[in-house]
Each structure stands twice: as structure tokens, then as C-alpha cells.
Amino acid sequence: MEADETLRSQVKIIGIGIGNSDFEVGFFRKTYKVPFPLFSDGDFTVHKQIGEVRTPFFIVVQKDPDGRQRVAMTKLGGFFSVESFLEKIVASTNLQQGGKP
């Protein structure tokens, strides 16, 4: 996604380590080479605010043309492949892939 100018400038992905410490999130990031920001939620504050969803849970945020940000997609559970996950992101944001890097 970072290699595509359109997606890179308008979509961000974050991961929330529900019940995890900074150390655990860092270990996960390094082990699985996660290219997007991950945040720890050791005290379950975010977990409670988003409805106590199960994990893993992904949030896709899109910046609209007027500069506002909105949640374009959430994903509970893992995904089959990075490519299929990216396809879902593109579909949920109505963006076209192929922007120059």
C-alpha cells in the first residue's frame, strides 16, 4: 500500500494490541514485520470504547478530500493474504490503485 501514491496519501491502517503491553506489541511488530502502526491497550481502554471486540481487529482510516478522517473499514480476525486484504481496503475506500510511488 505504501508503494501506491493514492493509497499511501489517503488510507492508513492501525492495529491495537488489546490487553498487550508495549513490549508485546513491539515483539509482534518485529516478529511479523508489520508495516503499519500498532498500539498497545494494556488496560483495555480502547477495547471498551470500540465495543469489546475480539482480536485481531484492524481499523482502516481514510482521509476524505476535505481533510476529515473516517473509518472506512474494520476487520475482525485474520485475513487470507495481504493481497486480499488490500483488495478489501481498496473496495471499502472507493479508491483506485495504481498511483505513482
C-alpha atoms as a PDB file:
ATOM      1  CA  MET A   1       0.000   0.000   0.000  1.00  0.00           C
ATOM      2  CA  GLU A   2       2.838   2.398   0.755  1.00  0.00           C
ATOM      3  CA  ALA A   3       4.139   1.901  -2.795  1.00  0.00           C
ATOM      4  CA  ASP A   4       0.883   3.273  -4.233  1.00  0.00           C
ATOM      5  CA  GLU A   5       0.703   7.082  -4.079  1.00  0.00           C
ATOM      6  CA  THR A   6      -3.095   7.232  -3.970  1.00  0.00           C
ATOM      7  CA  LEU A   7      -3.450   4.688  -1.199  1.00  0.00           C
ATOM      8  CA  ARG A   8      -0.445   5.959   0.762  1.00  0.00           C
ATOM      9  CA  SER A   9      -1.769   9.504   0.898  1.00  0.00           C
ATOM     10  CA  GLN A  10      -5.379   8.682   1.721  1.00  0.00           C
ATOM     11  CA  VAL A  11      -5.516   5.454   3.739  1.00  0.00           C
ATOM     12  CA  LYS A  12      -3.846   4.441   6.983  1.00  0.00           C
ATOM     13  CA  ILE A  13      -4.046   1.175   8.866  1.00  0.00           C
ATOM     14  CA  ILE A  14      -3.519   0.827  12.596  1.00  0.00           C
ATOM     15  CA  GLY A  15      -3.526  -2.201  14.845  1.00  0.00           C
ATOM     16  CA  ILE A  16      -4.470  -2.228  18.509  1.00  0.00           C
ATOM     17  CA  GLY A  17      -2.898  -4.767  20.833  1.00  0.00           C
ATOM     18  CA  ILE A  18      -5.859  -5.380  23.123  1.00  0.00           C
ATOM     19  CA  GLY A  19      -4.573  -6.374  26.541  1.00  0.00           C
ATOM     20  CA  ASN A  20      -0.992  -6.208  25.312  1.00  0.00           C
ATOM     21  CA  SER A  21       1.923  -4.242  26.702  1.00  0.00           C
ATOM     22  CA  ASP A  22       4.213  -2.030  24.630  1.00  0.00           C
ATOM     23  CA  PHE A  23       6.785  -4.828  24.788  1.00  0.00           C
ATOM     24  CA  GLU A  24       4.342  -7.428  23.452  1.00  0.00           C
ATOM     25  CA  VAL A  25       3.182  -5.152  20.641  1.00  0.00           C
ATOM     26  CA  GLY A  26       6.798  -4.387  19.724  1.00  0.00           C
ATOM     27  CA  PHE A  27       7.635  -8.083  19.694  1.00  0.00           C
ATOM     28  CA  PHE A  28       4.640  -8.782  17.428  1.00  0.00           C
ATOM     29  CA  ARG A  29       5.619  -5.905  15.116  1.00  0.00           C
ATOM     30  CA  LYS A  30       9.180  -7.197  14.748  1.00  0.00           C
ATOM     31  CA  THR A  31       8.272 -10.881  14.511  1.00  0.00           C
ATOM     32  CA  TYR A  32       5.651 -10.411  11.815  1.00  0.00           C
ATOM     33  CA  LYS A  33       7.234  -7.355  10.165  1.00  0.00           C
ATOM     34  CA  VAL A  34       4.035  -5.324  10.494  1.00  0.00           C
ATOM     35  CA  PRO A  35       4.377  -2.239   8.263  1.00  0.00           C
ATOM     36  CA  PHE A  36       1.659  -0.140   9.891  1.00  0.00           C
ATOM     37  CA  PRO A  37       1.432   1.421  13.367  1.00  0.00           C
ATOM     38  CA  LEU A  38       0.474  -0.820  16.265  1.00  0.00           C
ATOM     39  CA  PHE A  39      -0.655   0.490  19.628  1.00  0.00           C
ATOM     40  CA  SER A  40      -0.844  -1.279  22.948  1.00  0.00           C
ATOM     41  CA  ASP A  41      -4.019  -1.249  25.008  1.00  0.00           C
ATOM     42  CA  GLY A  42      -2.841  -2.974  28.147  1.00  0.00           C
ATOM     43  CA  ASP A  43      -5.628  -1.572  30.317  1.00  0.00           C
ATOM     44  CA  PHE A  44      -8.380  -2.340  27.748  1.00  0.00           C
ATOM     45  CA  THR A  45      -9.403   1.344  27.420  1.00  0.00           C
ATOM     46  CA  VAL A  46      -9.671   1.284  23.617  1.00  0.00           C
ATOM     47  CA  HIS A  47     -11.122  -2.212  23.722  1.00  0.00           C
ATOM     48  CA  LYS A  48     -14.032  -0.966  25.830  1.00  0.00           C
ATOM     49  CA  GLN A  49     -14.552   2.114  23.631  1.00  0.00           C
ATOM     50  CA  ILE A  50     -14.853   0.050  20.443  1.00  0.00           C
ATOM     51  CA  GLY A  51     -17.348  -2.399  21.887  1.00  0.00           C
ATOM     52  CA  GLU A  52     -15.069  -5.062  23.391  1.00  0.00           C
ATOM     53  CA  VAL A  53     -14.497  -6.762  20.038  1.00  0.00           C
ATOM     54  CA  ARG A  54     -12.435  -9.906  19.751  1.00  0.00           C
ATOM     55  CA  THR A  55      -8.940  -9.875  18.313  1.00  0.00           C
ATOM     56  CA  PRO A  56      -7.181  -9.492  15.961  1.00  0.00           C
ATOM     57  CA  PHE A  57      -9.023  -6.345  14.926  1.00  0.00           C
ATOM     58  CA  PHE A  58      -7.969  -3.941  12.176  1.00  0.00           C
ATOM     59  CA  ILE A  59      -9.178  -0.389  11.545  1.00  0.00           C
ATOM     60  CA  VAL A  60      -8.772   1.285   8.144  1.00  0.00           C
ATOM     61  CA  VAL A  61      -8.925   5.096   8.282  1.00  0.00           C
ATOM     62  CA  GLN A  62      -9.402   7.175   5.160  1.00  0.00           C
ATOM     63  CA  LYS A  63      -8.677  10.866   4.750  1.00  0.00           C
ATOM     64  CA  ASP A  64     -11.513  12.458   2.786  1.00  0.00           C
ATOM     65  CA  PRO A  65     -10.852  15.226   0.233  1.00  0.00           C
ATOM     66  CA  ASP A  66     -11.934  17.845   2.780  1.00  0.00           C
ATOM     67  CA  GLY A  67      -9.246  16.610   5.185  1.00  0.00           C
ATOM     68  CA  ARG A  68     -11.571  14.833   7.603  1.00  0.00           C
ATOM     69  CA  GLN A  69     -10.772  11.295   8.595  1.00  0.00           C
ATOM     70  CA  ARG A  70     -13.270   8.476   8.736  1.00  0.00           C
ATOM     71  CA  VAL A  71     -13.219   4.789   9.488  1.00  0.00           C
ATOM     72  CA  ALA A  72     -13.582   3.168   6.075  1.00  0.00           C
ATOM     73  CA  MET A  73     -13.403  -0.430   7.224  1.00  0.00           C
ATOM     74  CA  THR A  74     -12.853  -2.571  10.260  1.00  0.00           C
ATOM     75  CA  LYS A  75     -11.714  -6.158  10.104  1.00  0.00           C
ATOM     76  CA  LEU A  76     -12.180  -8.676  12.872  1.00  0.00           C
ATOM     77  CA  GLY A  77      -9.902 -11.677  12.602  1.00  0.00           C
ATOM     78  CA  GLY A  78      -7.039 -12.521  10.331  1.00  0.00           C
ATOM     79  CA  PHE A  79      -7.007 -12.404   6.554  1.00  0.00           C
ATOM     80  CA  PHE A  80      -6.106 -14.950   3.917  1.00  0.00           C
ATOM     81  CA  SER A  81      -3.390 -12.902   2.257  1.00  0.00           C
ATOM     82  CA  VAL A  82      -2.014  -9.387   2.213  1.00  0.00           C
ATOM     83  CA  GLU A  83      -3.279  -9.025  -1.357  1.00  0.00           C
ATOM     84  CA  SER A  84      -6.851  -9.973  -0.466  1.00  0.00           C
ATOM     85  CA  PHE A  85      -6.786  -7.605   2.497  1.00  0.00           C
ATOM     86  CA  LEU A  86      -5.555  -4.786   0.253  1.00  0.00           C
ATOM     87  CA  GLU A  87      -8.372  -5.527  -2.215  1.00  0.00           C
ATOM     88  CA  LYS A  88     -10.899  -5.143   0.614  1.00  0.00           C
ATOM     89  CA  ILE A  89      -9.302  -1.855   1.634  1.00  0.00           C
ATOM     90  CA  VAL A  90      -9.487  -0.525  -1.928  1.00  0.00           C
ATOM     91  CA  ALA A  91     -13.129  -1.578  -2.225  1.00  0.00           C
ATOM     92  CA  SER A  92     -14.082  -0.017   1.123  1.00  0.00           C
ATOM     93  CA  THR A  93     -12.432   3.310   0.310  1.00  0.00           C
ATOM     94  CA  ASN A  94     -13.580   3.606  -3.324  1.00  0.00           C
ATOM     95  CA  LEU A  95     -10.010   4.460  -4.309  1.00  0.00           C
ATOM     96  CA  GLN A  96      -8.225   3.264  -7.407  1.00  0.00           C
ATOM     97  CA  GLN A  97      -4.885   1.524  -7.123  1.00  0.00           C
ATOM     98  CA  GLY A  98      -2.046   2.406  -9.425  1.00  0.00           C
ATOM     99  CA  GLY A  99      -0.894   5.832  -8.300  1.00  0.00           C
ATOM    100  CA  LYS A 100       2.748   6.572  -8.909  1.00  0.00           C
ATOM    101  CA  PRO A 101       5.061   5.801  -5.973  1.00  0.00           C
END
